[in-house]
């Protein structure tokens, strides 16, 4: 555990470190770049027992049941892995495509 987590005086402050990742999903209509932010909380936020939360910047499966890929975990690896799994699992049906 890094020293920065000891700076938080009150758990309600939700002090966190941000980690940024990106992944390109290849689709028939072109490539879609997802930016993923993993929040590393100093202590688990209220209602959670883990410190890492990953969330993508755009939704998938928009035409059926739109969902923003995300994941909780005990490490960056597990939270990021859950988020990436959802990006891979569901189709991207939006308009924000970039050229291949």
N, C-alpha and C. Protein backbone atom coordinates (compact mmCIF):
# COMPACT_ATOMS: atom_id res chain seq x y z
N UNK A 1 0.85 -1.17 0.00
CA UNK A 1 0.00 0.00 0.00
C UNK A 1 0.90 1.24 0.00
N UNK A 2 0.60 2.19 -0.86
CA UNK A 2 1.38 3.41 -0.98
C UNK A 2 1.11 4.36 0.18
N UNK A 3 2.06 5.27 0.39
CA UNK A 3 1.94 6.24 1.49
C UNK A 3 0.78 7.21 1.31
N UNK A 4 0.39 7.52 0.08
CA UNK A 4 -0.64 8.53 -0.16
C UNK A 4 -1.97 8.19 0.51
N UNK A 5 -2.25 6.91 0.73
CA UNK A 5 -3.54 6.54 1.33
C UNK A 5 -3.68 7.03 2.77
N UNK A 6 -2.56 7.32 3.42
CA UNK A 6 -2.59 7.76 4.81
C UNK A 6 -2.92 9.25 4.94
N UNK A 7 -2.99 9.97 3.83
CA UNK A 7 -3.31 11.40 3.85
C UNK A 7 -4.79 11.62 4.15
N UNK A 8 -5.63 10.68 3.76
CA UNK A 8 -7.08 10.84 3.95
C UNK A 8 -7.42 10.86 5.44
N UNK A 9 -8.12 11.92 5.86
CA UNK A 9 -8.49 12.06 7.27
C UNK A 9 -9.86 11.47 7.56
N UNK A 10 -10.72 11.42 6.54
CA UNK A 10 -12.10 10.97 6.73
C UNK A 10 -12.49 10.16 5.50
N UNK A 11 -13.06 8.99 5.70
CA UNK A 11 -13.42 8.13 4.56
C UNK A 11 -14.43 8.79 3.63
N UNK A 12 -15.19 9.76 4.12
CA UNK A 12 -16.16 10.47 3.27
C UNK A 12 -15.47 11.32 2.21
N UNK A 13 -14.18 11.62 2.40
CA UNK A 13 -13.43 12.40 1.41
C UNK A 13 -13.22 11.62 0.11
N UNK A 14 -13.23 10.31 0.19
CA UNK A 14 -13.03 9.42 -0.95
C UNK A 14 -11.78 9.79 -1.77
N UNK A 15 -10.66 9.96 -1.09
CA UNK A 15 -9.39 10.22 -1.76
C UNK A 15 -9.08 9.04 -2.67
N UNK A 16 -8.67 9.33 -3.91
CA UNK A 16 -8.37 8.26 -4.86
C UNK A 16 -7.25 8.67 -5.80
N UNK A 17 -6.59 7.67 -6.33
CA UNK A 17 -5.60 7.86 -7.39
C UNK A 17 -6.24 7.34 -8.67
N UNK A 18 -6.05 8.06 -9.79
CA UNK A 18 -6.64 7.65 -11.06
C UNK A 18 -5.59 7.02 -11.96
N UNK A 19 -5.96 5.92 -12.60
CA UNK A 19 -5.10 5.23 -13.56
C UNK A 19 -5.86 5.22 -14.89
N UNK A 20 -5.18 5.56 -15.98
CA UNK A 20 -5.86 5.67 -17.28
C UNK A 20 -5.34 4.62 -18.26
N UNK A 21 -6.28 4.00 -18.98
CA UNK A 21 -5.97 2.98 -19.97
C UNK A 21 -6.84 3.21 -21.19
N UNK A 22 -6.48 2.62 -22.31
CA UNK A 22 -7.36 2.64 -23.48
C UNK A 22 -7.27 1.30 -24.19
N UNK A 23 -8.35 0.98 -24.91
CA UNK A 23 -8.41 -0.25 -25.67
C UNK A 23 -9.19 0.04 -26.95
N UNK A 24 -8.80 -0.59 -28.04
CA UNK A 24 -9.49 -0.41 -29.31
C UNK A 24 -10.32 -1.66 -29.59
N UNK A 25 -11.61 -1.45 -29.78
CA UNK A 25 -12.52 -2.55 -30.13
C UNK A 25 -12.68 -2.52 -31.64
N UNK A 26 -12.36 -3.63 -32.28
CA UNK A 26 -12.49 -3.72 -33.73
C UNK A 26 -13.90 -4.17 -34.07
N UNK A 27 -14.57 -3.38 -34.91
CA UNK A 27 -15.93 -3.70 -35.33
C UNK A 27 -15.98 -3.70 -36.85
N UNK A 28 -17.06 -4.22 -37.41
CA UNK A 28 -17.21 -4.24 -38.87
C UNK A 28 -17.23 -2.83 -39.44
N UNK A 29 -17.73 -1.87 -38.69
CA UNK A 29 -17.82 -0.49 -39.16
C UNK A 29 -16.59 0.35 -38.88
N UNK A 30 -15.58 -0.20 -38.27
CA UNK A 30 -14.36 0.53 -37.93
C UNK A 30 -13.96 0.29 -36.49
N UNK A 31 -12.88 0.93 -36.11
CA UNK A 31 -12.36 0.77 -34.76
C UNK A 31 -12.98 1.79 -33.81
N UNK A 32 -13.21 1.36 -32.58
CA UNK A 32 -13.76 2.23 -31.54
C UNK A 32 -12.78 2.21 -30.37
N UNK A 33 -12.32 3.39 -29.98
CA UNK A 33 -11.39 3.50 -28.86
C UNK A 33 -12.15 3.80 -27.57
N UNK A 34 -11.93 2.98 -26.57
CA UNK A 34 -12.52 3.17 -25.25
C UNK A 34 -11.43 3.66 -24.31
N UNK A 35 -11.71 4.73 -23.58
CA UNK A 35 -10.82 5.18 -22.52
C UNK A 35 -11.38 4.61 -21.21
N UNK A 36 -10.51 4.01 -20.43
CA UNK A 36 -10.93 3.40 -19.17
C UNK A 36 -10.19 4.08 -18.03
N UNK A 37 -10.93 4.51 -17.03
CA UNK A 37 -10.34 5.10 -15.83
C UNK A 37 -10.53 4.13 -14.68
N UNK A 38 -9.43 3.79 -14.02
CA UNK A 38 -9.51 2.96 -12.82
C UNK A 38 -9.26 3.88 -11.62
N UNK A 39 -10.22 3.89 -10.71
CA UNK A 39 -10.10 4.68 -9.49
C UNK A 39 -9.58 3.76 -8.38
N UNK A 40 -8.46 4.16 -7.79
CA UNK A 40 -7.89 3.43 -6.66
C UNK A 40 -8.19 4.24 -5.40
N UNK A 41 -9.18 3.81 -4.65
CA UNK A 41 -9.59 4.52 -3.44
C UNK A 41 -8.63 4.24 -2.30
N UNK A 42 -8.40 5.24 -1.44
CA UNK A 42 -7.56 5.04 -0.26
C UNK A 42 -8.17 3.97 0.65
N UNK A 43 -9.48 4.04 0.83
CA UNK A 43 -10.24 3.01 1.55
C UNK A 43 -11.48 2.73 0.72
N UNK A 44 -12.04 1.54 0.82
CA UNK A 44 -13.24 1.25 0.03
C UNK A 44 -14.34 2.30 0.27
N UNK A 45 -14.99 2.76 -0.79
CA UNK A 45 -16.08 3.73 -0.61
C UNK A 45 -17.25 3.10 0.13
N UNK A 46 -18.15 3.92 0.66
CA UNK A 46 -19.30 3.39 1.39
C UNK A 46 -20.08 2.36 0.57
N UNK A 47 -20.37 1.23 1.18
CA UNK A 47 -21.12 0.17 0.51
C UNK A 47 -20.26 -0.81 -0.26
N UNK A 48 -18.95 -0.60 -0.29
CA UNK A 48 -18.05 -1.50 -1.02
C UNK A 48 -17.03 -2.12 -0.06
N UNK A 49 -16.47 -3.24 -0.48
CA UNK A 49 -15.42 -3.88 0.32
C UNK A 49 -14.09 -3.92 -0.43
N UNK A 50 -14.07 -3.37 -1.65
CA UNK A 50 -12.85 -3.35 -2.46
C UNK A 50 -12.51 -1.91 -2.83
N UNK A 51 -11.24 -1.68 -3.21
CA UNK A 51 -10.73 -0.32 -3.42
C UNK A 51 -10.61 0.10 -4.87
N UNK A 52 -10.80 -0.79 -5.83
CA UNK A 52 -10.55 -0.46 -7.23
C UNK A 52 -11.83 -0.52 -8.06
N UNK A 53 -12.08 0.55 -8.84
CA UNK A 53 -13.27 0.63 -9.69
C UNK A 53 -12.85 1.13 -11.07
N UNK A 54 -13.18 0.38 -12.10
CA UNK A 54 -12.87 0.76 -13.49
C UNK A 54 -14.15 1.07 -14.23
N UNK A 55 -14.09 2.11 -15.09
CA UNK A 55 -15.27 2.48 -15.88
C UNK A 55 -14.83 3.01 -17.24
N UNK A 56 -15.49 2.54 -18.30
CA UNK A 56 -15.21 3.00 -19.66
C UNK A 56 -15.90 4.33 -19.91
N UNK A 57 -15.45 5.02 -20.95
CA UNK A 57 -16.00 6.35 -21.25
C UNK A 57 -17.22 6.32 -22.16
N UNK A 58 -17.60 5.14 -22.66
CA UNK A 58 -18.79 5.06 -23.51
C UNK A 58 -19.49 3.74 -23.31
N UNK A 59 -20.75 3.72 -23.67
CA UNK A 59 -21.58 2.53 -23.49
C UNK A 59 -21.40 1.54 -24.65
N UNK A 60 -21.83 0.32 -24.41
CA UNK A 60 -21.92 -0.73 -25.43
C UNK A 60 -23.35 -1.25 -25.43
N UNK A 61 -23.69 -2.04 -26.44
CA UNK A 61 -25.02 -2.67 -26.51
C UNK A 61 -26.15 -1.64 -26.50
N UNK A 62 -25.90 -0.50 -27.16
CA UNK A 62 -26.81 0.64 -27.10
C UNK A 62 -28.21 0.36 -27.64
N UNK A 63 -28.35 -0.51 -28.63
CA UNK A 63 -29.66 -0.72 -29.26
C UNK A 63 -30.55 -1.71 -28.50
N UNK A 64 -29.97 -2.48 -27.59
CA UNK A 64 -30.75 -3.47 -26.84
C UNK A 64 -30.93 -3.04 -25.39
N UNK A 65 -29.85 -3.04 -24.65
CA UNK A 65 -29.87 -2.63 -23.24
C UNK A 65 -28.52 -1.98 -22.96
N UNK A 66 -28.45 -0.70 -23.20
CA UNK A 66 -27.20 0.05 -23.09
C UNK A 66 -26.57 -0.14 -21.71
N UNK A 67 -25.27 -0.38 -21.71
CA UNK A 67 -24.54 -0.56 -20.45
C UNK A 67 -23.15 0.08 -20.61
N UNK A 68 -22.70 0.76 -19.56
CA UNK A 68 -21.35 1.30 -19.54
C UNK A 68 -20.46 0.25 -18.87
N UNK A 69 -19.47 -0.27 -19.59
CA UNK A 69 -18.60 -1.29 -19.01
C UNK A 69 -17.89 -0.77 -17.76
N UNK A 70 -17.90 -1.59 -16.72
CA UNK A 70 -17.26 -1.21 -15.47
C UNK A 70 -16.88 -2.48 -14.71
N UNK A 71 -16.16 -2.30 -13.62
CA UNK A 71 -15.81 -3.44 -12.79
C UNK A 71 -15.19 -3.01 -11.48
N UNK A 72 -15.48 -3.76 -10.43
CA UNK A 72 -14.88 -3.57 -9.12
C UNK A 72 -13.88 -4.69 -8.88
N UNK A 73 -12.86 -4.44 -8.07
CA UNK A 73 -11.92 -5.51 -7.77
C UNK A 73 -10.98 -5.17 -6.63
N UNK A 74 -10.20 -6.17 -6.25
CA UNK A 74 -9.22 -6.00 -5.18
C UNK A 74 -7.88 -5.50 -5.71
N UNK A 75 -7.79 -5.34 -7.04
CA UNK A 75 -6.56 -4.84 -7.67
C UNK A 75 -6.92 -4.12 -8.96
N UNK A 76 -5.96 -3.36 -9.49
CA UNK A 76 -6.17 -2.74 -10.80
C UNK A 76 -6.46 -3.82 -11.83
N UNK A 77 -5.71 -4.90 -11.77
CA UNK A 77 -5.86 -6.01 -12.72
C UNK A 77 -7.28 -6.55 -12.74
N UNK A 78 -7.86 -6.81 -11.59
CA UNK A 78 -9.20 -7.42 -11.57
C UNK A 78 -10.28 -6.43 -11.99
N UNK A 79 -10.21 -5.18 -11.55
CA UNK A 79 -11.22 -4.18 -11.95
C UNK A 79 -11.12 -3.88 -13.44
N UNK A 80 -9.91 -3.67 -13.94
CA UNK A 80 -9.71 -3.41 -15.37
C UNK A 80 -10.12 -4.61 -16.19
N UNK A 81 -9.80 -5.80 -15.72
CA UNK A 81 -10.16 -7.02 -16.43
C UNK A 81 -11.66 -7.19 -16.59
N UNK A 82 -12.42 -6.88 -15.55
CA UNK A 82 -13.89 -6.97 -15.64
C UNK A 82 -14.43 -5.97 -16.65
N UNK A 83 -13.90 -4.76 -16.65
CA UNK A 83 -14.35 -3.72 -17.56
C UNK A 83 -14.04 -4.12 -19.02
N UNK A 84 -12.84 -4.57 -19.27
CA UNK A 84 -12.44 -4.99 -20.62
C UNK A 84 -13.28 -6.18 -21.09
N UNK A 85 -13.58 -7.10 -20.19
CA UNK A 85 -14.41 -8.25 -20.55
C UNK A 85 -15.77 -7.80 -21.07
N UNK A 86 -16.38 -6.80 -20.43
CA UNK A 86 -17.67 -6.30 -20.89
C UNK A 86 -17.56 -5.58 -22.24
N UNK A 87 -16.45 -4.86 -22.46
CA UNK A 87 -16.24 -4.21 -23.76
C UNK A 87 -16.16 -5.27 -24.85
N UNK A 88 -15.46 -6.36 -24.58
CA UNK A 88 -15.33 -7.44 -25.57
C UNK A 88 -16.63 -8.20 -25.77
N UNK A 89 -17.40 -8.37 -24.70
CA UNK A 89 -18.59 -9.21 -24.73
C UNK A 89 -19.75 -8.60 -25.51
N UNK A 90 -19.93 -7.29 -25.44
CA UNK A 90 -21.10 -6.65 -26.05
C UNK A 90 -20.71 -5.84 -27.28
N UNK A 91 -21.62 -5.73 -28.25
CA UNK A 91 -21.32 -4.95 -29.46
C UNK A 91 -21.35 -3.45 -29.17
N UNK A 92 -20.55 -2.72 -29.93
CA UNK A 92 -20.64 -1.27 -29.88
C UNK A 92 -21.55 -0.86 -31.02
N UNK A 93 -22.65 -0.19 -30.71
CA UNK A 93 -23.65 0.15 -31.72
C UNK A 93 -23.86 1.65 -31.84
N UNK A 94 -22.90 2.43 -31.39
CA UNK A 94 -23.02 3.88 -31.43
C UNK A 94 -22.42 4.46 -32.69
N UNK A 95 -22.26 5.78 -32.70
CA UNK A 95 -21.77 6.49 -33.88
C UNK A 95 -20.34 6.98 -33.74
N UNK A 96 -19.71 6.80 -32.59
CA UNK A 96 -18.39 7.39 -32.35
C UNK A 96 -17.26 6.48 -32.83
N UNK A 97 -17.22 6.20 -34.09
CA UNK A 97 -16.19 5.31 -34.64
C UNK A 97 -15.05 6.13 -35.24
N UNK A 98 -13.87 5.56 -35.19
CA UNK A 98 -12.71 6.18 -35.81
C UNK A 98 -12.26 5.30 -36.97
N UNK A 99 -11.54 5.86 -37.89
CA UNK A 99 -11.06 5.08 -39.04
C UNK A 99 -10.10 4.00 -38.62
N UNK A 100 -10.00 2.93 -39.43
CA UNK A 100 -9.10 1.84 -39.08
C UNK A 100 -7.73 2.24 -39.45
